[in-house]
Amino acid sequence: MLLSEWRQKYSVPTNKKLIEKTLFYKENKNWYADSLKAIEHKYGIHTNRFIKLLGVTSPRNTVKRNLYLADKTLKYAILNKDIDFSYGIANKQIKNNIDKVLNNKPFRGVKVNAFVKALQGDLKQVVIDSWMLKAFNIGAQSPRPNDLIHIKTIVNKIAIQTNLKPSEVQACLWCYAKAELNDSVFKEDNDFSYYMRQKQIEDF
């Protein structure tokens, strides 16, 4: 499907509007950079493995819950103990991906892999989840191939026009969707560093 056809089919906002929202939420552009800095400070030599655990435990979880699940999982791994998933992980694919992370094997998921790379500092990444789909007026829980292609194209163009990096534009638009297109009770758009400052992760 051509970009023009895709935009018309889903009534995708104009680039002008998306740029306006990007600039309005520009204070959130360092979402990934601030998260990485806090993760490196707390997890040290375990940073890379922890970021991968954040990625594979992220689907359908809030940022705060995501942090808790990854932290608990890493503690089992550091102690070389069998993981007791009763702390909140039931999804089979997430469990399979955790096993792959802990065994240094590639894990599944387009969004998950992009999220991991973005958290590792790859500024070219565009993480597309259900909130990014909302920002583009697409009523689906998971992106389809055309969604991935065209959203990346638009985000990359906006990055050039706003002198930002693709991952920074994506973070701004994600925060826009969380703030303005959110019917759930979970309104927060904070990055991981925010929750690391608030209290003990074990209390989440």
N, C-alpha and C. Protein backbone atom coordinates (compact mmCIF):
# COMPACT_ATOMS: atom_id res chain seq x y z
N MET A 1 0.84 -1.20 0.00
CA MET A 1 0.00 0.00 0.00
C MET A 1 0.88 1.25 0.00
N LEU A 2 0.60 2.16 -0.92
CA LEU A 2 1.37 3.39 -0.99
C LEU A 2 1.11 4.26 0.24
N LEU A 3 2.07 5.11 0.55
CA LEU A 3 1.94 6.00 1.70
C LEU A 3 0.68 6.84 1.61
N SER A 4 0.39 7.39 0.43
CA SER A 4 -0.79 8.24 0.27
C SER A 4 -2.08 7.45 0.52
N GLU A 5 -2.13 6.21 0.05
CA GLU A 5 -3.30 5.36 0.24
C GLU A 5 -3.46 5.01 1.72
N TRP A 6 -2.36 4.70 2.37
CA TRP A 6 -2.36 4.35 3.79
C TRP A 6 -2.84 5.52 4.63
N ARG A 7 -2.34 6.73 4.33
CA ARG A 7 -2.76 7.92 5.06
C ARG A 7 -4.25 8.16 4.91
N GLN A 8 -4.74 8.00 3.70
CA GLN A 8 -6.17 8.24 3.45
C GLN A 8 -7.03 7.18 4.14
N LYS A 9 -6.61 5.93 4.08
CA LYS A 9 -7.39 4.84 4.65
C LYS A 9 -7.60 5.02 6.16
N TYR A 10 -6.56 5.47 6.86
CA TYR A 10 -6.64 5.57 8.32
C TYR A 10 -6.77 7.01 8.83
N SER A 11 -6.95 7.96 7.91
CA SER A 11 -7.04 9.37 8.29
C SER A 11 -5.86 9.76 9.20
N VAL A 12 -4.69 9.41 8.76
CA VAL A 12 -3.46 9.70 9.51
C VAL A 12 -3.28 11.22 9.59
N PRO A 13 -2.93 11.72 10.77
CA PRO A 13 -2.71 13.17 10.90
C PRO A 13 -1.66 13.67 9.91
N THR A 14 -1.78 14.93 9.56
CA THR A 14 -0.81 15.53 8.65
C THR A 14 0.56 15.62 9.33
N ASN A 15 1.60 15.71 8.52
CA ASN A 15 2.94 15.90 9.08
C ASN A 15 3.01 17.18 9.90
N LYS A 16 2.28 18.20 9.46
CA LYS A 16 2.27 19.47 10.19
C LYS A 16 1.78 19.27 11.62
N LYS A 17 0.68 18.53 11.77
CA LYS A 17 0.16 18.30 13.11
C LYS A 17 1.13 17.45 13.93
N LEU A 18 1.71 16.43 13.32
CA LEU A 18 2.64 15.57 14.04
C LEU A 18 3.89 16.32 14.45
N ILE A 19 4.32 17.25 13.62
CA ILE A 19 5.46 18.10 13.99
C ILE A 19 5.09 18.99 15.17
N GLU A 20 3.90 19.55 15.13
CA GLU A 20 3.44 20.40 16.24
C GLU A 20 3.43 19.62 17.55
N LYS A 21 2.95 18.39 17.52
CA LYS A 21 2.91 17.57 18.73
C LYS A 21 4.32 17.17 19.17
N THR A 22 5.17 16.89 18.22
CA THR A 22 6.56 16.56 18.54
C THR A 22 7.23 17.71 19.28
N LEU A 23 7.05 18.91 18.77
CA LEU A 23 7.69 20.09 19.39
C LEU A 23 7.04 20.42 20.73
N PHE A 24 5.74 20.20 20.86
CA PHE A 24 5.05 20.48 22.12
C PHE A 24 5.56 19.55 23.23
N TYR A 25 5.88 18.32 22.87
CA TYR A 25 6.37 17.35 23.85
C TYR A 25 7.89 17.15 23.76
N LYS A 26 8.57 18.16 23.24
CA LYS A 26 10.01 18.04 23.00
C LYS A 26 10.81 17.81 24.28
N GLU A 27 10.29 18.22 25.42
CA GLU A 27 11.01 18.02 26.68
C GLU A 27 11.18 16.53 27.00
N ASN A 28 10.44 15.68 26.29
CA ASN A 28 10.54 14.24 26.50
C ASN A 28 11.48 13.55 25.51
N LYS A 29 12.19 14.32 24.71
CA LYS A 29 13.00 13.72 23.65
C LYS A 29 14.12 12.83 24.19
N ASN A 30 14.54 13.07 25.43
CA ASN A 30 15.63 12.27 26.00
C ASN A 30 15.12 11.06 26.79
N TRP A 31 13.92 10.60 26.48
CA TRP A 31 13.32 9.46 27.18
C TRP A 31 14.29 8.28 27.23
N TYR A 32 14.84 7.92 26.09
CA TYR A 32 15.74 6.77 26.04
C TYR A 32 17.10 7.08 26.64
N ALA A 33 17.63 8.26 26.37
CA ALA A 33 18.95 8.63 26.89
C ALA A 33 18.93 8.71 28.42
N ASP A 34 17.88 9.30 28.98
CA ASP A 34 17.78 9.40 30.44
C ASP A 34 17.59 8.02 31.06
N SER A 35 16.84 7.17 30.39
CA SER A 35 16.66 5.80 30.89
C SER A 35 17.99 5.06 30.89
N LEU A 36 18.72 5.16 29.79
CA LEU A 36 20.01 4.46 29.69
C LEU A 36 20.98 4.91 30.77
N LYS A 37 21.05 6.20 31.00
CA LYS A 37 21.96 6.73 32.01
C LYS A 37 21.64 6.17 33.39
N ALA A 38 20.36 6.12 33.73
CA ALA A 38 19.94 5.60 35.03
C ALA A 38 20.19 4.10 35.13
N ILE A 39 19.94 3.39 34.04
CA ILE A 39 20.15 1.93 34.04
C ILE A 39 21.63 1.61 34.21
N GLU A 40 22.48 2.32 33.49
CA GLU A 40 23.92 2.09 33.60
C GLU A 40 24.40 2.35 35.03
N HIS A 41 23.85 3.39 35.65
CA HIS A 41 24.25 3.74 37.01
C HIS A 41 23.84 2.65 38.00
N LYS A 42 22.65 2.11 37.83
CA LYS A 42 22.15 1.12 38.79
C LYS A 42 22.65 -0.29 38.51
N TYR A 43 22.71 -0.67 37.25
CA TYR A 43 22.96 -2.08 36.93
C TYR A 43 24.38 -2.39 36.46
N GLY A 44 25.17 -1.36 36.18
CA GLY A 44 26.59 -1.57 35.89
C GLY A 44 26.86 -2.63 34.84
N ILE A 45 27.61 -3.66 35.22
CA ILE A 45 28.01 -4.71 34.27
C ILE A 45 26.83 -5.52 33.76
N HIS A 46 25.70 -5.41 34.40
CA HIS A 46 24.51 -6.15 33.98
C HIS A 46 23.60 -5.32 33.07
N THR A 47 24.05 -4.13 32.68
CA THR A 47 23.21 -3.20 31.91
C THR A 47 22.64 -3.82 30.64
N ASN A 48 23.48 -4.44 29.84
CA ASN A 48 23.02 -4.97 28.55
C ASN A 48 21.97 -6.05 28.73
N ARG A 49 22.21 -6.95 29.68
CA ARG A 49 21.24 -8.01 29.92
C ARG A 49 19.94 -7.44 30.49
N PHE A 50 20.07 -6.45 31.37
CA PHE A 50 18.87 -5.84 31.94
C PHE A 50 18.03 -5.15 30.88
N ILE A 51 18.67 -4.44 29.97
CA ILE A 51 17.93 -3.76 28.90
C ILE A 51 17.19 -4.78 28.04
N LYS A 52 17.82 -5.90 27.76
CA LYS A 52 17.14 -6.94 26.98
C LYS A 52 15.94 -7.50 27.75
N LEU A 53 16.09 -7.64 29.06
CA LEU A 53 14.96 -8.10 29.88
C LEU A 53 13.84 -7.06 29.90
N LEU A 54 14.21 -5.78 29.92
CA LEU A 54 13.19 -4.73 29.81
C LEU A 54 12.43 -4.88 28.50
N GLY A 55 13.16 -5.14 27.44
CA GLY A 55 12.53 -5.27 26.14
C GLY A 55 11.54 -6.42 26.09
N VAL A 56 11.96 -7.60 26.54
CA VAL A 56 11.09 -8.78 26.39
C VAL A 56 9.96 -8.80 27.40
N THR A 57 10.05 -8.04 28.48
CA THR A 57 8.95 -7.98 29.44
C THR A 57 8.07 -6.74 29.25
N SER A 58 8.33 -5.98 28.21
CA SER A 58 7.58 -4.73 28.00
C SER A 58 6.18 -4.90 27.41
N PRO A 59 5.90 -5.91 26.58
CA PRO A 59 4.56 -5.97 25.96
C PRO A 59 3.42 -5.96 26.97
N ARG A 60 2.47 -5.05 26.74
CA ARG A 60 1.25 -4.94 27.53
C ARG A 60 1.49 -4.56 28.99
N ASN A 61 2.63 -3.97 29.28
CA ASN A 61 2.91 -3.54 30.65
C ASN A 61 3.21 -2.05 30.69
N THR A 62 2.86 -1.41 31.80
CA THR A 62 3.25 -0.01 31.99
C THR A 62 4.75 0.06 32.18
N VAL A 63 5.30 1.24 32.06
CA VAL A 63 6.74 1.43 32.25
C VAL A 63 7.16 1.00 33.66
N LYS A 64 6.36 1.38 34.65
CA LYS A 64 6.67 1.03 36.03
C LYS A 64 6.64 -0.48 36.24
N ARG A 65 5.61 -1.12 35.73
CA ARG A 65 5.50 -2.57 35.86
C ARG A 65 6.61 -3.27 35.09
N ASN A 66 6.93 -2.77 33.93
CA ASN A 66 8.01 -3.29 33.11
C ASN A 66 9.33 -3.30 33.88
N LEU A 67 9.61 -2.19 34.54
CA LEU A 67 10.83 -2.07 35.33
C LEU A 67 10.86 -3.12 36.44
N TYR A 68 9.76 -3.28 37.12
CA TYR A 68 9.66 -4.25 38.22
C TYR A 68 9.92 -5.68 37.72
N LEU A 69 9.28 -6.06 36.62
CA LEU A 69 9.41 -7.42 36.10
C LEU A 69 10.83 -7.72 35.65
N ALA A 70 11.45 -6.76 34.96
CA ALA A 70 12.82 -6.97 34.50
C ALA A 70 13.79 -7.05 35.67
N ASP A 71 13.58 -6.21 36.67
CA ASP A 71 14.45 -6.20 37.85
C ASP A 71 14.36 -7.54 38.60
N LYS A 72 13.15 -8.02 38.81
CA LYS A 72 12.97 -9.29 39.50
C LYS A 72 13.62 -10.43 38.72
N THR A 73 13.44 -10.43 37.41
CA THR A 73 14.00 -11.49 36.57
C THR A 73 15.52 -11.47 36.62
N LEU A 74 16.11 -10.28 36.54
CA LEU A 74 17.57 -10.18 36.58
C LEU A 74 18.12 -10.72 37.89
N LYS A 75 17.45 -10.47 38.99
CA LYS A 75 17.93 -10.94 40.29
C LYS A 75 18.00 -12.46 40.34
N TYR A 76 17.00 -13.12 39.76
CA TYR A 76 17.05 -14.58 39.67
C TYR A 76 18.26 -15.01 38.85
N ALA A 77 18.48 -14.31 37.73
CA ALA A 77 19.58 -14.68 36.83
C ALA A 77 20.94 -14.48 37.50
N ILE A 78 21.11 -13.36 38.20
CA ILE A 78 22.38 -13.08 38.86
C ILE A 78 22.69 -14.15 39.91
N LEU A 79 21.65 -14.60 40.60
CA LEU A 79 21.82 -15.62 41.64
C LEU A 79 21.86 -17.03 41.05
N ASN A 80 21.70 -17.11 39.72
CA ASN A 80 21.71 -18.40 39.01
C ASN A 80 20.65 -19.36 39.58
N LYS A 81 19.48 -18.80 39.85
CA LYS A 81 18.37 -19.57 40.40
C LYS A 81 17.30 -19.78 39.33
N ASP A 82 16.58 -20.89 39.43
CA ASP A 82 15.43 -21.10 38.54
C ASP A 82 14.41 -20.01 38.81
N ILE A 83 13.86 -19.45 37.73
CA ILE A 83 12.95 -18.32 37.88
C ILE A 83 11.56 -18.77 38.31
N ASP A 84 11.07 -18.17 39.37
CA ASP A 84 9.70 -18.39 39.82
C ASP A 84 8.86 -17.24 39.26
N PHE A 85 8.12 -17.51 38.21
CA PHE A 85 7.40 -16.46 37.50
C PHE A 85 6.15 -15.99 38.23
N SER A 86 5.94 -16.45 39.45
CA SER A 86 4.75 -16.06 40.19
C SER A 86 4.73 -14.57 40.52
N TYR A 87 5.85 -13.87 40.33
CA TYR A 87 5.88 -12.43 40.60
C TYR A 87 5.19 -11.64 39.51
N GLY A 88 4.67 -12.31 38.47
CA GLY A 88 3.84 -11.56 37.54
C GLY A 88 3.99 -11.84 36.06
N ILE A 89 4.67 -12.91 35.68
CA ILE A 89 4.82 -13.20 34.26
C ILE A 89 4.13 -14.51 33.93
N ALA A 90 3.11 -14.45 33.07
CA ALA A 90 2.36 -15.64 32.69
C ALA A 90 2.41 -15.91 31.20
N ASN A 91 2.64 -14.87 30.40
CA ASN A 91 2.62 -14.99 28.95
C ASN A 91 3.74 -15.93 28.45
N LYS A 92 3.35 -16.90 27.64
CA LYS A 92 4.29 -17.92 27.18
C LYS A 92 5.40 -17.33 26.32
N GLN A 93 5.05 -16.40 25.42
CA GLN A 93 6.08 -15.83 24.56
C GLN A 93 7.08 -15.00 25.35
N ILE A 94 6.59 -14.27 26.37
CA ILE A 94 7.50 -13.50 27.21
C ILE A 94 8.45 -14.44 27.94
N LYS A 95 7.92 -15.54 28.46
CA LYS A 95 8.77 -16.52 29.14
C LYS A 95 9.82 -17.09 28.18
N ASN A 96 9.40 -17.40 26.96
CA ASN A 96 10.34 -17.93 25.97
C ASN A 96 11.42 -16.91 25.64
N ASN A 97 11.02 -15.65 25.52
CA ASN A 97 12.00 -14.61 25.21
C ASN A 97 12.97 -14.38 26.38
N ILE A 98 12.47 -14.48 27.60
CA ILE A 98 13.35 -14.36 28.77
C ILE A 98 14.40 -15.47 28.74
N ASP A 99 13.97 -16.67 28.43
CA ASP A 99 14.90 -17.80 28.34
C ASP A 99 15.97 -17.54 27.28
N LYS A 100 15.57 -16.95 26.17
CA LYS A 100 16.52 -16.65 25.11
C LYS A 100 17.51 -15.57 25.54
N VAL A 101 17.02 -14.55 26.24
CA VAL A 101 17.91 -13.50 26.73
C VAL A 101 18.96 -14.09 27.67
N LEU A 102 18.51 -14.91 28.61
CA LEU A 102 19.41 -15.48 29.61
C LEU A 102 20.37 -16.49 29.03
N ASN A 103 20.06 -16.98 27.82
CA ASN A 103 20.96 -17.92 27.14
C ASN A 103 21.64 -17.28 25.93
N ASN A 104 21.61 -15.94 25.90
CA ASN A 104 22.29 -15.18 24.84
C ASN A 104 21.88 -15.60 23.43
N LYS A 105 20.58 -15.81 23.26
CA LYS A 105 20.05 -16.15 21.96
C LYS A 105 19.14 -15.03 21.45
N PRO A 106 18.99 -14.90 20.13
CA PRO A 106 18.09 -13.87 19.59
C PRO A 106 16.65 -14.10 20.06
N PHE A 107 15.93 -13.01 20.32
CA PHE A 107 14.56 -13.12 20.78
C PHE A 107 13.61 -12.49 19.78
N ARG A 108 12.34 -12.84 19.90
CA ARG A 108 11.34 -12.45 18.91
C ARG A 108 10.68 -11.11 19.24
N GLY A 109 10.14 -10.48 18.20
CA GLY A 109 9.33 -9.28 18.38
C GLY A 109 9.95 -8.05 17.74
N VAL A 110 9.27 -7.49 16.74
CA VAL A 110 9.78 -6.29 16.06
C VAL A 110 9.87 -5.13 17.05
N LYS A 111 8.78 -4.90 17.80
CA LYS A 111 8.77 -3.81 18.76
C LYS A 111 9.79 -4.04 19.86
N VAL A 112 9.85 -5.27 20.35
CA VAL A 112 10.77 -5.61 21.44
C VAL A 112 12.21 -5.35 21.03
N ASN A 113 12.60 -5.78 19.85
CA ASN A 113 13.98 -5.59 19.40
C ASN A 113 14.30 -4.12 19.17
N ALA A 114 13.35 -3.37 18.61
CA ALA A 114 13.56 -1.94 18.41
C ALA A 114 13.69 -1.22 19.74
N PHE A 115 12.87 -1.61 20.72
CA PHE A 115 12.89 -1.01 22.05
C PHE A 115 14.24 -1.24 22.72
N VAL A 116 14.74 -2.45 22.62
CA VAL A 116 16.06 -2.76 23.20
C VAL A 116 17.14 -1.90 22.57
N LYS A 117 17.15 -1.81 21.26
CA LYS A 117 18.18 -1.03 20.56
C LYS A 117 18.08 0.45 20.92
N ALA A 118 16.86 0.96 21.04
CA ALA A 118 16.68 2.37 21.41
C ALA A 118 17.21 2.62 22.82
N LEU A 119 16.93 1.70 23.74
CA LEU A 119 17.42 1.84 25.11
C LEU A 119 18.94 1.71 25.19
N GLN A 120 19.51 1.01 24.23
CA GLN A 120 20.97 0.86 24.19
C GLN A 120 21.65 2.07 23.57
N GLY A 121 20.85 3.02 23.08
CA GLY A 121 21.41 4.26 22.56
C GLY A 121 21.39 4.42 21.06
N ASP A 122 20.71 3.53 20.35
CA ASP A 122 20.60 3.64 18.89
C ASP A 122 19.54 4.68 18.55
N LEU A 123 19.97 5.85 18.15
CA LEU A 123 19.06 6.97 17.90
C LEU A 123 18.26 6.82 16.61
N LYS A 124 18.60 5.84 15.79
CA LYS A 124 17.88 5.63 14.53
C LYS A 124 16.62 4.79 14.71
N GLN A 125 16.45 4.22 15.88
CA GLN A 125 15.32 3.33 16.10
C GLN A 125 13.99 4.08 16.22
N VAL A 126 12.94 3.46 15.70
CA VAL A 126 11.57 3.96 15.84
C VAL A 126 10.75 2.83 16.43
N VAL A 127 10.43 2.94 17.71
CA VAL A 127 9.69 1.89 18.41
C VAL A 127 8.20 2.11 18.18
N ILE A 128 7.56 1.11 17.60
CA ILE A 128 6.15 1.27 17.24
C ILE A 128 5.30 0.29 18.05
N ASP A 129 4.60 0.83 19.04
CA ASP A 129 3.70 0.03 19.87
C ASP A 129 2.27 0.54 19.69
N SER A 130 1.37 0.10 20.56
CA SER A 130 -0.03 0.50 20.41
C SER A 130 -0.22 2.00 20.60
N TRP A 131 0.63 2.64 21.41
CA TRP A 131 0.52 4.09 21.64
C TRP A 131 0.97 4.87 20.41
N MET A 132 2.00 4.38 19.76
CA MET A 132 2.42 5.04 18.51
C MET A 132 1.36 4.88 17.43
N LEU A 133 0.69 3.75 17.42
CA LEU A 133 -0.41 3.57 16.47
C LEU A 133 -1.52 4.57 16.74
N LYS A 134 -1.81 4.81 18.02
CA LYS A 134 -2.81 5.83 18.36
C LYS A 134 -2.40 7.20 17.84
N ALA A 135 -1.12 7.53 17.97
CA ALA A 135 -0.64 8.84 17.51
C ALA A 135 -0.88 9.02 16.01
N PHE A 136 -0.92 7.90 15.29
CA PHE A 136 -1.13 7.94 13.85
C PHE A 136 -2.57 7.56 13.47
N ASN A 137 -3.45 7.51 14.48
CA ASN A 137 -4.87 7.25 14.29
C ASN A 137 -5.16 5.87 13.73
N ILE A 138 -4.35 4.90 14.11
CA ILE A 138 -4.54 3.53 13.65
C ILE A 138 -5.10 2.70 14.80
N GLY A 139 -6.30 2.19 14.61
CA GLY A 139 -6.97 1.47 15.68
C GLY A 139 -6.63 0.00 15.72
N ALA A 140 -5.40 -0.29 16.07
CA ALA A 140 -4.95 -1.69 16.19
C ALA A 140 -4.02 -1.80 17.39
N GLN A 141 -3.90 -3.00 17.92
CA GLN A 141 -3.01 -3.23 19.05
C GLN A 141 -1.57 -3.48 18.61
N SER A 142 -1.42 -4.03 17.40
CA SER A 142 -0.09 -4.34 16.88
C SER A 142 0.05 -3.79 15.47
N PRO A 143 1.21 -3.27 15.11
CA PRO A 143 1.39 -2.71 13.76
C PRO A 143 1.46 -3.79 12.69
N ARG A 144 0.87 -3.46 11.53
CA ARG A 144 0.99 -4.32 10.36
C ARG A 144 2.19 -3.87 9.54
N PRO A 145 2.63 -4.66 8.57
CA PRO A 145 3.81 -4.29 7.79
C PRO A 145 3.76 -2.88 7.20
N ASN A 146 2.61 -2.49 6.64
CA ASN A 146 2.50 -1.14 6.08
C ASN A 146 2.62 -0.07 7.16
N ASP A 147 2.08 -0.36 8.34
CA ASP A 147 2.18 0.60 9.45
C ASP A 147 3.65 0.83 9.80
N LEU A 148 4.40 -0.25 9.91
CA LEU A 148 5.81 -0.14 10.26
C LEU A 148 6.58 0.69 9.24
N ILE A 149 6.34 0.40 7.98
CA ILE A 149 7.06 1.09 6.91
C ILE A 149 6.73 2.59 6.90
N HIS A 150 5.44 2.91 6.90
CA HIS A 150 5.04 4.30 6.72
C HIS A 150 5.26 5.15 7.96
N ILE A 151 5.05 4.58 9.15
CA ILE A 151 5.33 5.36 10.37
C ILE A 151 6.81 5.69 10.45
N LYS A 152 7.66 4.73 10.15
CA LYS A 152 9.10 5.00 10.15
C LYS A 152 9.46 6.08 9.14
N THR A 153 8.87 6.03 7.97
CA THR A 153 9.13 7.03 6.94
C THR A 153 8.77 8.43 7.43
N ILE A 154 7.59 8.55 8.03
CA ILE A 154 7.12 9.85 8.51
C ILE A 154 7.98 10.34 9.68
N VAL A 155 8.28 9.45 10.62
CA VAL A 155 9.10 9.84 11.77
C VAL A 155 10.49 10.28 11.31
N ASN A 156 11.07 9.58 10.36
CA ASN A 156 12.40 9.97 9.86
C ASN A 156 12.35 11.34 9.19
N LYS A 157 11.27 11.62 8.48
CA LYS A 157 11.13 12.92 7.83
C LYS A 157 10.96 14.02 8.87
N ILE A 158 10.15 13.76 9.89
CA ILE A 158 9.95 14.74 10.96
C ILE A 158 11.28 15.00 11.69
N ALA A 159 12.06 13.95 11.88
CA ALA A 159 13.36 14.10 12.55
C ALA A 159 14.24 15.08 11.80
N ILE A 160 14.26 14.98 10.49
CA ILE A 160 15.06 15.90 9.68
C ILE A 160 14.53 17.32 9.81
N GLN A 161 13.21 17.47 9.75
CA GLN A 161 12.60 18.79 9.77
C GLN A 161 12.70 19.48 11.13
N THR A 162 12.81 18.70 12.19
CA THR A 162 12.87 19.26 13.55
C THR A 162 14.27 19.23 14.16
N ASN A 163 15.23 18.72 13.38
CA ASN A 163 16.61 18.59 13.86
C ASN A 163 16.70 17.70 15.10
N LEU A 164 15.88 16.65 15.11
CA LEU A 164 15.91 15.65 16.16
C LEU A 164 16.31 14.31 15.57
N LYS A 165 16.55 13.35 16.42
CA LYS A 165 16.84 11.99 15.97
C LYS A 165 15.53 11.20 15.92
N PRO A 166 15.45 10.16 15.07
CA PRO A 166 14.21 9.38 14.97
C PRO A 166 13.70 8.88 16.32
N SER A 167 14.59 8.36 17.17
CA SER A 167 14.13 7.85 18.47
C SER A 167 13.60 8.98 19.35
N GLU A 168 14.12 10.18 19.18
CA GLU A 168 13.65 11.33 19.96
C GLU A 168 12.25 11.75 19.50
N VAL A 169 12.04 11.78 18.19
CA VAL A 169 10.71 12.10 17.65
C VAL A 169 9.70 11.07 18.13
N GLN A 170 10.09 9.80 18.06
CA GLN A 170 9.17 8.73 18.50
C GLN A 170 8.82 8.88 19.97
N ALA A 171 9.79 9.22 20.79
CA ALA A 171 9.52 9.40 22.22
C ALA A 171 8.54 10.54 22.45
N CYS A 172 8.70 11.63 21.72
CA CYS A 172 7.80 12.77 21.86
C CYS A 172 6.38 12.41 21.45
N LEU A 173 6.25 11.69 20.33
CA LEU A 173 4.91 11.31 19.86
C LEU A 173 4.27 10.26 20.77
N TRP A 174 5.09 9.40 21.35
CA TRP A 174 4.57 8.42 22.31
C TRP A 174 4.00 9.13 23.53
N CYS A 175 4.73 10.15 24.00
CA CYS A 175 4.25 10.92 25.16
C CYS A 175 2.99 11.70 24.82
N TYR A 176 2.91 12.20 23.60
CA TYR A 176 1.69 12.87 23.13
C TYR A 176 0.50 11.91 23.20
N ALA A 177 0.67 10.70 22.69
CA ALA A 177 -0.43 9.72 22.70
C ALA A 177 -0.82 9.35 24.12
N LYS A 178 0.18 9.17 24.99
CA LYS A 178 -0.12 8.83 26.38
C LYS A 178 -0.89 9.94 27.09
N ALA A 179 -0.59 11.18 26.75
CA ALA A 179 -1.20 12.31 27.43
C ALA A 179 -2.56 12.69 26.86
N GLU A 180 -2.71 12.63 25.54
CA GLU A 180 -3.90 13.17 24.90
C GLU A 180 -4.83 12.14 24.27
N LEU A 181 -4.36 10.95 24.04
CA LEU A 181 -5.17 9.94 23.35
C LEU A 181 -5.37 8.71 24.23
N ASN A 182 -5.44 8.94 25.52
CA ASN A 182 -5.38 7.87 26.50
C ASN A 182 -6.68 7.75 27.29
N ASP A 183 -7.37 6.65 27.11
CA ASP A 183 -8.61 6.41 27.87
C ASP A 183 -8.38 5.49 29.07
N SER A 184 -7.14 5.04 29.25
CA SER A 184 -6.86 4.11 30.34
C SER A 184 -6.57 4.87 31.63
N VAL A 185 -6.41 4.12 32.71
CA VAL A 185 -6.10 4.75 34.01
C VAL A 185 -4.60 5.00 34.16
N PHE A 186 -3.82 4.45 33.25
CA PHE A 186 -2.37 4.60 33.32
C PHE A 186 -1.92 5.73 32.40
N LYS A 187 -1.81 6.92 32.95
CA LYS A 187 -1.53 8.11 32.16
C LYS A 187 -0.05 8.45 32.06
N GLU A 188 0.78 7.79 32.84
CA GLU A 188 2.16 8.25 32.95
C GLU A 188 2.92 8.09 31.63
N ASP A 189 3.79 9.06 31.36
CA ASP A 189 4.66 8.97 30.19
C ASP A 189 6.13 9.06 30.63
N ASN A 190 6.38 8.76 31.90
CA ASN A 190 7.73 8.87 32.44
C ASN A 190 8.66 7.79 31.89
N ASP A 191 9.93 8.13 31.83
CA ASP A 191 10.91 7.13 31.43
C ASP A 191 11.32 6.31 32.66
N PHE A 192 12.20 5.33 32.45
CA PHE A 192 12.58 4.44 33.55
C PHE A 192 13.32 5.17 34.68
N SER A 193 14.06 6.21 34.35
CA SER A 193 14.83 6.92 35.38
C SER A 193 13.91 7.53 36.44
N TYR A 194 12.72 7.94 36.04
CA TYR A 194 11.76 8.54 36.97
C TYR A 194 11.42 7.57 38.09
N TYR A 195 11.13 6.34 37.72
CA TYR A 195 10.74 5.35 38.73
C TYR A 195 11.92 4.86 39.55
N MET A 196 13.09 4.91 38.98
CA MET A 196 14.28 4.54 39.74
C MET A 196 14.56 5.55 40.85
N ARG A 197 14.09 6.78 40.65
CA ARG A 197 14.29 7.82 41.67
C ARG A 197 13.21 7.80 42.75
N GLN A 198 12.06 7.22 42.46
CA GLN A 198 10.90 7.36 43.34
C GLN A 198 10.97 6.53 44.62
N LYS A 199 11.29 5.26 44.46
CA LYS A 199 11.25 4.35 45.60
C LYS A 199 11.97 3.06 45.23
N GLN A 200 11.99 2.13 46.15
CA GLN A 200 12.58 0.83 45.85
C GLN A 200 11.74 0.12 44.80
N ILE A 201 12.40 -0.43 43.80
CA ILE A 201 11.68 -1.11 42.73
C ILE A 201 10.87 -2.27 43.29
N GLU A 202 11.36 -2.89 44.35
CA GLU A 202 10.67 -4.03 44.94
C GLU A 202 9.28 -3.65 45.47
N ASP A 203 9.05 -2.35 45.67
CA ASP A 203 7.77 -1.90 46.22
C ASP A 203 6.70 -1.72 45.16
N PHE A 204 7.07 -1.84 43.87
CA PHE A 204 6.11 -1.58 42.80
C PHE A 204 5.05 -2.68 42.77
